[in-house]
Amino acid sequence: MKHSTIAAISTPLGPGGIGIIRISGPEAKDILKRVFIRAEKGSSFHRGESNPFRSHRVYYGKIIDPHKGRLIDEALAIYMKAPKSFTREDVVELQSHSGFVVLDRILNAVIDSGALIAEPGEFTKRAFMNGRIDLSQAEAVIDMINAPCEAAVYMASQQMMGILKESVDEIRSKMISLRAQLEVELEFSDQNETQMGKDALLESIQHEILQKIARLVQNQKEAAIYRDGVLLSIAGLPNVGKSSLLNQLVQKETAIVSEVPGTTRDIVREYLTIRGVPIVLCDTAGLHDSLDPIECLGVQKARKQIQESDNILFVIDASRDLLEEEKVLIESLKTKRTLFLINKIDIADKNRVKKLEGMIQQKWVLPISAKTGKGIDQLKELLLKGIVESDAIKQMDAGIPNLRQRQLLDKAYKQISQCVQDVSKEYTLDRASEKLNDAIDTLGSVCGTREREDLYDTIFSQFCIGK
């Protein structure tokens, strides 16, 4: 990898103002000279060594086909000399007009001049392998690209700054130090020459290691909704106003609204952000028995969606009494976080609405009108109840792990806890030291200080080509 030069289109394909070709590797500068002719004073173009490319300068010129000598496009070229680049290799960026054909022609010219097509995530992988970033920072790059809301962008930016690495390195260093003290304590437990007693040593492990790991794990749990979004399914019988509610929440005609039962036959998904929290809204088919096989399939999908969702908006028609099948459904949703919406209050009798509120007997009940929008603002506020506010993310100064990192932290926590038990029960030095060594290796995998080529390949394959 270190001896090859790679290239890829780094901007999304399609019409646009600017398209970027990125080149990285030992031949990047030579390839630049083959495909790019600089413009000198008076707009004349010049190829040669009399004015060599200087690092971190922008040059205007034209890109040519190195074999046919034909003009491809005018462009800007930036040369970044190693190690002062993203990959810590010689890097060139060619900025031309966007569009699939012109970018494809430029990339082909670069490939014909000696570069190889980059694999997905290969630029970021080189930055990691060359010591420019650690593994957690590399993962933060893709988190930044995929961030669904402002809070997720902030989390990714903190990760890219190395906040998590600092926390994990601090814990790991303390573990290495305590391991040495542990070995001394257990080796010379029959003497009074040790610097720290066993009880003090165990207390140090508890407060300086386990509590800090637990804090990082809790940060991930609280922040997960900002990375992944909250899955919220809209459920109820046919014609209670589920599709109208979806349209009202997202403020556009996403779902078909009709008085004919069974109009919605598949899951309709829309995305909504409420005060920084990304929400995936799923409108489902009306729950009922039907002889229509297509409708039955829609109802089956709806029931499966409800089972998989932790958060439900269950819609009830306020213009009629509660049906027996609704009572059964309400009872079945007690184990889930459910907000019961009494809809159509714009046409319903007020006494019936109050009667329905009393019959449901659940904590979260709200009268609304999906048609007029009455109660929708209050609904949005209730949706955020129990969800961490985005400002709380800024208090997580120890770092916010992703799911992979959290699983490793959980594993390390268990390994250290087992070590504590072994020491408490005065098991052999080998057993206690082995558990602590395992935990140190596990923490090393969080930020990539322990080599795992298979893990690196899996992580970087999730990136797009050009990044």
Protein backbone atom coordinates (compact mmCIF):
# COMPACT_ATOMS: atom_id res chain seq x y z
CA MET A 1 0.00 0.00 0.00
CA LYS A 2 2.80 2.42 0.88
CA HIS A 3 4.35 2.13 -2.60
CA SER A 4 1.20 2.62 -4.68
CA THR A 5 -0.47 5.84 -5.76
CA ILE A 6 -4.27 5.90 -5.65
CA ALA A 7 -6.90 8.18 -7.13
CA ALA A 8 -10.67 8.63 -6.96
CA ILE A 9 -13.48 11.11 -7.49
CA SER A 10 -14.08 12.68 -4.05
CA THR A 11 -17.28 14.60 -4.76
CA PRO A 12 -20.77 13.19 -5.43
CA LEU A 13 -21.38 12.30 -9.05
CA GLY A 14 -23.82 14.45 -10.98
CA PRO A 15 -24.18 18.04 -12.19
CA GLY A 16 -22.59 20.60 -9.89
CA GLY A 17 -20.28 23.58 -9.62
CA ILE A 18 -17.08 21.79 -8.62
CA GLY A 19 -15.83 18.22 -8.92
CA ILE A 20 -12.69 16.99 -7.15
CA ILE A 21 -10.25 14.23 -8.09
CA ARG A 22 -7.99 13.20 -5.20
CA ILE A 23 -4.58 11.54 -5.73
CA SER A 24 -2.36 10.18 -2.95
CA GLY A 25 0.99 8.39 -3.02
CA PRO A 26 4.63 8.75 -4.08
CA GLU A 27 3.80 9.43 -7.76
CA ALA A 28 1.10 12.05 -7.10
CA LYS A 29 3.28 15.00 -8.10
CA ASP A 30 4.60 13.26 -11.23
CA ILE A 31 1.05 12.44 -12.31
CA LEU A 32 0.11 16.08 -11.77
CA LYS A 33 2.87 17.12 -14.18
CA ARG A 34 1.62 14.65 -16.80
CA VAL A 35 -2.03 15.73 -16.81
CA PHE A 36 -1.94 19.40 -15.77
CA ILE A 37 -0.50 22.41 -17.60
CA ARG A 38 -0.14 25.56 -15.53
CA ALA A 39 -1.21 28.96 -16.73
CA GLU A 40 1.53 31.59 -16.48
CA LYS A 41 1.30 35.38 -16.70
CA GLY A 42 -0.72 36.59 -19.63
CA SER A 43 -2.85 33.42 -19.54
CA SER A 44 -0.23 31.44 -21.48
CA PHE A 45 0.20 27.80 -20.49
CA HIS A 46 3.48 26.24 -19.54
CA ARG A 47 4.73 22.73 -18.86
CA GLY A 48 8.18 22.22 -17.39
CA GLU A 49 10.38 22.41 -14.35
CA SER A 50 11.27 26.08 -14.50
CA ASN A 51 8.41 26.85 -12.13
CA PRO A 52 7.96 23.70 -10.00
CA PHE A 53 4.78 23.12 -8.00
CA ARG A 54 5.05 24.37 -4.43
CA SER A 55 3.21 22.71 -1.57
CA HIS A 56 -0.14 24.07 -0.44
CA ARG A 57 -0.50 26.53 -3.31
CA VAL A 58 -3.43 26.73 -5.73
CA TYR A 59 -2.58 26.68 -9.44
CA TYR A 60 -4.86 27.49 -12.37
CA GLY A 61 -4.43 25.63 -15.63
CA LYS A 62 -5.87 23.00 -17.93
CA ILE A 63 -6.14 19.23 -17.71
CA ILE A 64 -5.16 17.26 -20.79
CA ASP A 65 -5.27 13.66 -21.96
CA PRO A 66 -1.59 12.62 -21.53
CA HIS A 67 -1.66 10.34 -24.59
CA LYS A 68 -3.72 12.35 -27.09
CA GLY A 69 -2.79 15.79 -25.82
CA ARG A 70 -6.42 16.90 -25.98
CA LEU A 71 -7.88 19.43 -23.56
CA ILE A 72 -10.30 17.90 -21.05
CA ASP A 73 -11.16 20.89 -18.85
CA GLU A 74 -9.75 23.96 -17.16
CA ALA A 75 -9.12 23.38 -13.46
CA LEU A 76 -7.39 24.29 -10.23
CA ALA A 77 -4.63 22.06 -8.87
CA ILE A 78 -3.37 21.82 -5.28
CA TYR A 79 -0.24 19.90 -4.37
CA MET A 80 0.34 18.94 -0.70
CA LYS A 81 3.79 17.59 0.08
CA ALA A 82 4.09 14.75 2.60
CA PRO A 83 3.70 14.63 5.55
CA LYS A 84 1.54 17.77 5.61
CA SER A 85 -1.53 16.17 4.07
CA PHE A 86 -4.55 14.11 5.15
CA THR A 87 -2.85 10.80 4.30
CA ARG A 88 0.69 11.98 5.25
CA GLU A 89 1.64 11.13 1.68
CA ASP A 90 2.09 13.41 -1.32
CA VAL A 91 -1.46 14.45 -2.22
CA VAL A 92 -2.88 16.24 -5.26
CA GLU A 93 -6.41 17.58 -5.66
CA LEU A 94 -7.73 18.54 -9.09
CA GLN A 95 -10.79 20.79 -8.99
CA SER A 96 -12.69 20.91 -12.25
CA HIS A 97 -16.25 21.46 -13.41
CA SER A 98 -18.52 18.74 -12.08
CA GLY A 99 -20.49 16.25 -14.12
CA PHE A 100 -19.99 12.53 -14.58
CA VAL A 101 -18.39 12.60 -18.05
CA VAL A 102 -15.76 15.27 -17.37
CA LEU A 103 -14.77 13.76 -14.01
CA ASP A 104 -14.61 10.30 -15.52
CA ARG A 105 -12.32 11.56 -18.30
CA ILE A 106 -10.01 13.28 -15.80
CA LEU A 107 -9.89 10.19 -13.58
CA ASN A 108 -9.04 8.02 -16.61
CA ALA A 109 -6.22 10.43 -17.52
CA VAL A 110 -4.86 10.14 -13.96
CA ILE A 111 -5.13 6.33 -14.05
CA ASP A 112 -3.40 6.24 -17.46
CA SER A 113 -0.59 8.28 -15.90
CA GLY A 114 0.15 5.66 -13.25
CA ALA A 115 -2.42 5.80 -10.45
CA LEU A 116 -4.62 2.96 -9.21
CA ILE A 117 -8.34 3.27 -8.46
CA ALA A 118 -8.78 3.76 -4.71
CA GLU A 119 -10.78 1.28 -2.66
CA PRO A 120 -13.68 2.55 -0.50
CA GLY A 121 -12.22 4.44 2.47
CA GLU A 122 -8.63 3.95 1.31
CA PHE A 123 -7.59 7.59 1.77
CA THR A 124 -8.82 7.58 5.37
CA LYS A 125 -7.25 4.16 5.95
CA ARG A 126 -3.90 5.51 4.77
CA ALA A 127 -4.30 8.46 7.14
CA PHE A 128 -4.82 5.94 9.95
CA MET A 129 -2.04 3.54 8.93
CA ASN A 130 0.41 6.46 8.55
CA GLY A 131 -0.38 7.78 12.03
CA ARG A 132 -2.30 10.87 10.96
CA ILE A 133 -5.42 9.80 12.89
CA ASP A 134 -6.40 6.95 15.21
CA LEU A 135 -9.18 4.46 14.56
CA SER A 136 -11.81 6.36 16.55
CA GLN A 137 -11.03 9.52 14.56
CA ALA A 138 -11.28 7.55 11.31
CA GLU A 139 -14.72 6.29 12.32
CA ALA A 140 -15.69 9.87 13.17
CA VAL A 141 -15.15 10.82 9.52
CA ILE A 142 -17.95 8.52 8.37
CA ASP A 143 -20.07 9.59 11.37
CA MET A 144 -19.67 13.18 10.21
CA ILE A 145 -20.68 12.30 6.64
CA ASN A 146 -23.75 10.37 7.83
CA ALA A 147 -24.75 12.74 10.66
CA PRO A 148 -28.56 13.15 10.62
CA CYS A 149 -28.70 16.23 12.86
CA GLU A 150 -26.65 19.06 14.40
CA ALA A 151 -26.01 17.12 17.62
CA ALA A 152 -24.57 14.20 15.63
CA VAL A 153 -22.26 16.62 13.78
CA TYR A 154 -21.03 17.97 17.13
CA MET A 155 -20.41 14.42 18.41
CA ALA A 156 -18.43 13.51 15.30
CA SER A 157 -16.39 16.72 15.48
CA GLN A 158 -15.45 15.98 19.11
CA GLN A 159 -14.42 12.48 18.08
CA MET A 160 -12.29 13.84 15.24
CA MET A 161 -10.54 16.12 17.74
CA GLY A 162 -9.43 13.01 19.66
CA ILE A 163 -11.53 13.50 22.81
CA LEU A 164 -12.39 9.80 23.09
CA LYS A 165 -8.81 8.72 22.40
CA GLU A 166 -7.56 10.92 25.24
CA SER A 167 -10.05 9.34 27.66
CA VAL A 168 -9.30 5.77 26.58
CA ASP A 169 -5.53 6.35 26.59
CA GLU A 170 -5.76 7.77 30.12
CA ILE A 171 -7.68 4.72 31.34
CA ARG A 172 -5.36 2.30 29.54
CA SER A 173 -2.22 3.96 30.92
CA LYS A 174 -3.65 3.77 34.42
CA MET A 175 -4.39 0.09 33.90
CA ILE A 176 -0.83 -0.63 32.80
CA SER A 177 0.47 1.17 35.90
CA LEU A 178 -1.94 -0.67 38.20
CA ARG A 179 -1.05 -3.99 36.59
CA ALA A 180 2.56 -3.45 37.59
CA GLN A 181 1.50 -2.56 41.14
CA LEU A 182 -0.82 -5.55 41.22
CA GLU A 183 2.02 -7.90 40.32
CA VAL A 184 4.22 -6.39 43.02
CA GLU A 185 1.40 -6.62 45.58
CA LEU A 186 0.61 -10.24 44.82
CA GLU A 187 4.25 -11.26 44.48
CA PHE A 188 5.28 -9.77 47.82
CA SER A 189 2.01 -10.00 49.74
CA ASP A 190 3.81 -11.70 52.65
CA GLN A 191 6.10 -8.71 53.10
CA ASN A 192 5.46 -5.15 54.20
CA GLU A 193 7.49 -3.50 51.46
CA THR A 194 4.74 -2.79 48.93
CA GLN A 195 3.75 0.79 48.15
CA MET A 196 0.00 0.15 48.01
CA GLY A 197 -2.11 -2.32 49.99
CA LYS A 198 -4.45 -4.69 48.20
CA ASP A 199 -7.58 -2.89 49.38
CA ALA A 200 -6.25 0.46 48.19
CA LEU A 201 -5.30 -1.11 44.88
CA LEU A 202 -8.80 -2.53 44.35
CA GLU A 203 -10.36 0.80 45.28
CA SER A 204 -8.15 2.53 42.72
CA ILE A 205 -9.31 0.09 40.03
CA GLN A 206 -12.93 0.73 40.99
CA HIS A 207 -12.77 4.53 41.01
CA GLU A 208 -10.09 5.34 38.44
CA ILE A 209 -10.92 2.70 35.85
CA LEU A 210 -14.32 1.04 36.17
CA GLN A 211 -16.22 4.25 36.88
CA LYS A 212 -14.59 6.03 33.91
CA ILE A 213 -15.39 3.14 31.57
CA ALA A 214 -18.98 3.07 32.84
CA ARG A 215 -19.24 6.80 32.13
CA LEU A 216 -18.14 6.32 28.52
CA VAL A 217 -20.64 3.48 28.06
CA GLN A 218 -23.43 5.64 29.47
CA ASN A 219 -22.45 8.47 27.12
CA GLN A 220 -22.98 6.15 24.14
CA LYS A 221 -26.39 5.01 25.39
CA GLU A 222 -27.59 8.58 25.89
CA ALA A 223 -26.19 9.83 22.59
CA ALA A 224 -27.31 6.90 20.42
CA ILE A 225 -30.57 8.60 19.45
CA TYR A 226 -28.65 11.43 17.79
CA ARG A 227 -26.63 9.03 15.63
CA ASP A 228 -29.36 6.53 14.82
CA GLY A 229 -32.57 8.53 15.25
CA VAL A 230 -35.72 7.54 17.12
CA LEU A 231 -37.94 5.00 15.36
CA LEU A 232 -41.55 6.09 15.81
CA SER A 233 -44.40 4.02 14.33
CA ILE A 234 -47.89 5.40 13.74
CA ALA A 235 -50.49 2.68 14.36
CA GLY A 236 -54.25 2.26 14.69
CA LEU A 237 -57.34 0.92 12.94
CA PRO A 238 -58.19 1.97 9.36
CA ASN A 239 -59.41 5.52 8.75
CA VAL A 240 -58.43 6.96 12.14
CA GLY A 241 -56.17 9.59 10.52
CA LYS A 242 -52.71 8.01 10.62
CA SER A 243 -51.68 9.25 7.17
CA SER A 244 -53.09 12.72 7.88
CA LEU A 245 -51.01 12.80 11.06
CA LEU A 246 -47.85 11.88 9.14
CA ASN A 247 -48.50 14.62 6.59
CA GLN A 248 -49.18 17.14 9.35
CA LEU A 249 -45.96 16.31 11.19
CA VAL A 250 -43.68 16.52 8.14
CA GLN A 251 -45.69 19.37 6.58
CA LYS A 252 -46.06 17.78 3.16
CA GLU A 253 -48.35 15.35 1.35
CA THR A 254 -46.28 12.20 1.81
CA ALA A 255 -49.03 9.64 2.43
CA ILE A 256 -52.28 9.28 0.45
CA VAL A 257 -55.30 10.37 2.49
CA SER A 258 -58.64 8.76 1.62
CA GLU A 259 -61.94 7.86 3.28
CA VAL A 260 -61.61 4.40 1.75
CA PRO A 261 -60.26 1.95 4.39
CA GLY A 262 -56.99 0.17 3.55
CA THR A 263 -55.47 2.98 1.45
CA THR A 264 -52.08 2.58 3.15
CA ARG A 265 -50.78 -0.91 2.31
CA ASP A 266 -47.06 -0.55 2.94
CA ILE A 267 -44.80 1.18 5.44
CA VAL A 268 -44.39 4.86 4.53
CA ARG A 269 -41.24 6.37 6.05
CA GLU A 270 -40.47 10.04 6.55
CA TYR A 271 -37.78 11.90 8.52
CA LEU A 272 -38.40 14.65 11.01
CA THR A 273 -36.12 16.61 13.35
CA ILE A 274 -37.56 18.02 16.56
CA ARG A 275 -35.22 20.26 18.52
CA GLY A 276 -32.16 18.47 17.21
CA VAL A 277 -33.49 14.93 17.64
CA PRO A 278 -33.82 12.96 14.36
CA ILE A 279 -37.02 10.92 14.18
CA VAL A 280 -37.91 8.23 11.65
CA LEU A 281 -41.70 8.27 11.25
CA CYS A 282 -43.35 5.09 9.97
CA ASP A 283 -46.98 5.22 8.83
CA THR A 284 -48.45 1.71 8.90
CA ALA A 285 -51.49 0.02 7.39
CA GLY A 286 -54.72 0.03 9.43
CA LEU A 287 -54.93 -2.96 11.78
CA HIS A 288 -57.96 -5.05 10.81
CA ASP A 289 -59.04 -8.37 9.29
CA SER A 290 -59.35 -8.38 5.51
CA LEU A 291 -60.02 -10.86 2.71
CA ASP A 292 -57.85 -8.87 0.30
CA PRO A 293 -54.43 -10.67 0.15
CA ILE A 294 -52.56 -7.42 -0.59
CA GLU A 295 -54.24 -5.70 2.34
CA CYS A 296 -53.44 -8.67 4.58
CA LEU A 297 -49.78 -8.38 3.65
CA GLY A 298 -49.84 -4.69 4.58
CA VAL A 299 -51.42 -5.50 7.96
CA GLN A 300 -48.77 -8.17 8.60
CA LYS A 301 -46.02 -5.62 7.88
CA ALA A 302 -47.74 -3.15 10.19
CA ARG A 303 -47.85 -5.64 13.08
CA LYS A 304 -44.18 -6.53 12.53
CA GLN A 305 -43.24 -2.83 12.47
CA ILE A 306 -45.09 -2.23 15.75
CA GLN A 307 -43.32 -5.20 17.38
CA GLU A 308 -39.91 -3.84 16.36
CA SER A 309 -40.64 -0.26 17.49
CA ASP A 310 -40.00 0.96 21.01
CA ASN A 311 -42.02 4.12 20.39
CA ILE A 312 -45.63 4.10 19.14
CA LEU A 313 -48.17 6.76 18.23
CA PHE A 314 -51.50 4.95 18.54
CA VAL A 315 -54.27 6.91 16.83
CA ILE A 316 -57.93 6.65 17.89
CA ASP A 317 -60.98 8.13 16.13
CA ALA A 318 -62.72 10.55 18.49
CA SER A 319 -65.86 10.63 16.33
CA ARG A 320 -66.93 7.17 17.55
CA ASP A 321 -66.75 5.00 20.66
CA LEU A 322 -63.76 2.80 21.42
CA LEU A 323 -64.02 -0.56 19.63
CA GLU A 324 -63.28 -3.91 21.31
CA GLU A 325 -60.32 -4.61 19.03
CA GLU A 326 -58.87 -1.21 19.97
CA LYS A 327 -59.17 -2.09 23.66
CA VAL A 328 -57.18 -5.27 23.01
CA LEU A 329 -54.51 -3.34 21.10
CA ILE A 330 -54.26 -0.69 23.82
CA GLU A 331 -53.71 -3.41 26.42
CA SER A 332 -51.01 -5.05 24.28
CA LEU A 333 -49.07 -1.76 23.98
CA LYS A 334 -48.60 -1.29 27.73
CA THR A 335 -45.05 -2.68 27.52
CA LYS A 336 -44.00 -0.10 24.90
CA ARG A 337 -43.49 3.65 25.09
CA THR A 338 -46.84 4.61 23.56
CA LEU A 339 -48.51 7.98 23.10
CA PHE A 340 -52.25 7.58 22.54
CA LEU A 341 -53.70 10.24 20.23
CA ILE A 342 -57.43 10.93 20.21
CA ASN A 343 -57.78 12.33 16.69
CA LYS A 344 -60.56 14.23 14.85
CA ILE A 345 -61.45 16.45 17.82
CA ASP A 346 -62.46 19.09 15.24
CA ILE A 347 -65.59 17.06 14.47
CA ALA A 348 -66.04 15.06 17.69
CA ASP A 349 -68.28 15.72 20.66
CA LYS A 350 -66.26 17.10 23.59
CA ASN A 351 -67.93 14.76 26.08
CA ARG A 352 -66.97 11.75 23.97
CA VAL A 353 -63.34 12.96 23.87
CA LYS A 354 -63.26 13.16 27.67
CA LYS A 355 -64.90 9.76 27.92
CA LEU A 356 -62.25 8.25 25.64
CA GLU A 357 -59.46 9.82 27.72
CA GLY A 358 -60.91 8.14 30.82
CA MET A 359 -61.36 4.77 29.09
CA ILE A 360 -57.77 4.60 27.80
CA GLN A 361 -56.32 5.11 31.29
CA GLN A 362 -52.74 5.51 30.12
CA LYS A 363 -50.12 8.07 31.11
CA TRP A 364 -49.66 9.62 27.68
CA VAL A 365 -53.01 10.60 26.12
CA LEU A 366 -53.43 13.65 23.89
CA PRO A 367 -56.47 14.96 21.95
CA ILE A 368 -55.46 16.29 18.52
CA SER A 369 -56.75 17.15 15.07
CA ALA A 370 -54.46 15.93 12.31
CA LYS A 371 -56.63 17.87 9.85
CA THR A 372 -56.42 21.33 11.48
CA GLY A 373 -53.11 20.88 13.31
CA LYS A 374 -54.58 21.46 16.76
CA GLY A 375 -52.44 19.76 19.43
CA ILE A 376 -49.53 19.03 17.06
CA ASP A 377 -47.12 21.42 18.84
CA GLN A 378 -48.00 19.80 22.16
CA LEU A 379 -47.47 16.39 20.52
CA LYS A 380 -43.94 17.37 19.47
CA GLU A 381 -43.15 18.44 23.03
CA LEU A 382 -44.43 15.15 24.43
CA LEU A 383 -42.34 13.23 21.90
CA LEU A 384 -39.22 14.70 23.49
CA LYS A 385 -40.18 13.66 27.03
CA GLY A 386 -37.59 11.23 28.30
CA ILE A 387 -35.18 12.02 25.43
CA VAL A 388 -31.87 13.71 26.25
CA GLU A 389 -31.78 17.32 25.09
CA SER A 390 -29.10 18.11 22.51
CA ASP A 391 -27.37 20.54 24.90
CA ALA A 392 -26.60 17.60 27.21
CA ILE A 393 -24.27 16.21 24.53
CA LYS A 394 -21.89 19.11 25.19
CA GLN A 395 -21.50 17.95 28.79
CA MET A 396 -20.05 14.59 27.69
CA ASP A 397 -16.47 15.82 27.82
CA ALA A 398 -15.03 12.31 28.21
CA GLY A 399 -16.02 11.37 24.67
CA ILE A 400 -18.95 9.61 23.02
CA PRO A 401 -18.19 6.10 21.73
CA ASN A 402 -20.04 4.51 18.82
CA LEU A 403 -21.64 1.07 19.11
CA ARG A 404 -18.49 -0.89 18.18
CA GLN A 405 -16.44 1.06 20.70
CA ARG A 406 -19.08 0.69 23.40
CA GLN A 407 -19.14 -3.09 22.95
CA LEU A 408 -15.37 -3.16 23.48
CA LEU A 409 -15.70 -0.96 26.57
CA ASP A 410 -18.37 -3.31 27.93
CA LYS A 411 -16.04 -6.24 27.34
CA ALA A 412 -13.12 -4.49 29.06
CA TYR A 413 -15.37 -3.60 32.01
CA LYS A 414 -16.27 -7.27 32.50
CA GLN A 415 -12.63 -8.35 32.20
CA ILE A 416 -11.51 -5.81 34.81
CA SER A 417 -14.40 -6.74 37.11
CA GLN A 418 -13.30 -10.37 36.89
CA CYS A 419 -9.76 -9.30 37.74
CA VAL A 420 -11.05 -7.48 40.83
CA GLN A 421 -12.91 -10.61 41.93
CA ASP A 422 -9.82 -12.76 41.41
CA VAL A 423 -7.64 -10.43 43.47
CA SER A 424 -10.28 -10.18 46.19
CA LYS A 425 -10.42 -13.96 46.45
CA GLU A 426 -6.60 -14.14 46.36
CA TYR A 427 -6.50 -16.24 43.22
CA THR A 428 -3.17 -16.75 41.50
CA LEU A 429 -1.21 -13.87 40.07
CA ASP A 430 -1.33 -15.44 36.63
CA ARG A 431 -5.12 -15.50 36.51
CA ALA A 432 -5.60 -11.91 37.72
CA SER A 433 -2.81 -10.57 35.52
CA GLU A 434 -4.21 -12.42 32.49
CA LYS A 435 -7.62 -10.77 32.90
CA LEU A 436 -6.05 -7.34 33.24
CA ASN A 437 -3.85 -7.93 30.18
CA ASP A 438 -6.93 -8.99 28.20
CA ALA A 439 -8.70 -5.77 29.22
CA ILE A 440 -5.68 -3.66 28.20
CA ASP A 441 -5.70 -5.35 24.76
CA THR A 442 -9.47 -4.84 24.46
CA LEU A 443 -9.14 -1.11 25.15
CA GLY A 444 -6.35 -0.99 22.59
CA SER A 445 -8.84 -2.09 19.93
CA VAL A 446 -11.11 0.90 20.68
CA CYS A 447 -8.73 3.40 19.06
CA GLY A 448 -6.64 0.95 17.05
CA THR A 449 -3.48 0.84 19.16
CA ARG A 450 -3.65 -2.94 18.88
CA GLU A 451 -3.26 -4.17 15.30
CA ARG A 452 -6.29 -5.89 13.79
CA GLU A 453 -6.11 -5.86 9.98
CA ASP A 454 -9.44 -7.69 9.63
CA LEU A 455 -11.16 -5.07 11.79
CA TYR A 456 -9.61 -2.22 9.79
CA ASP A 457 -10.80 -3.73 6.49
CA THR A 458 -14.37 -4.00 7.85
CA ILE A 459 -14.46 -0.43 9.13
CA PHE A 460 -12.95 1.28 6.09
CA SER A 461 -15.07 -0.70 3.62
CA GLN A 462 -18.08 1.27 4.92
CA PHE A 463 -16.67 4.50 3.48
CA CYS A 464 -17.48 5.82 0.03
CA ILE A 465 -14.84 5.75 -2.71
CA GLY A 466 -12.83 8.99 -2.64
CA LYS A 467 -12.81 9.21 1.15
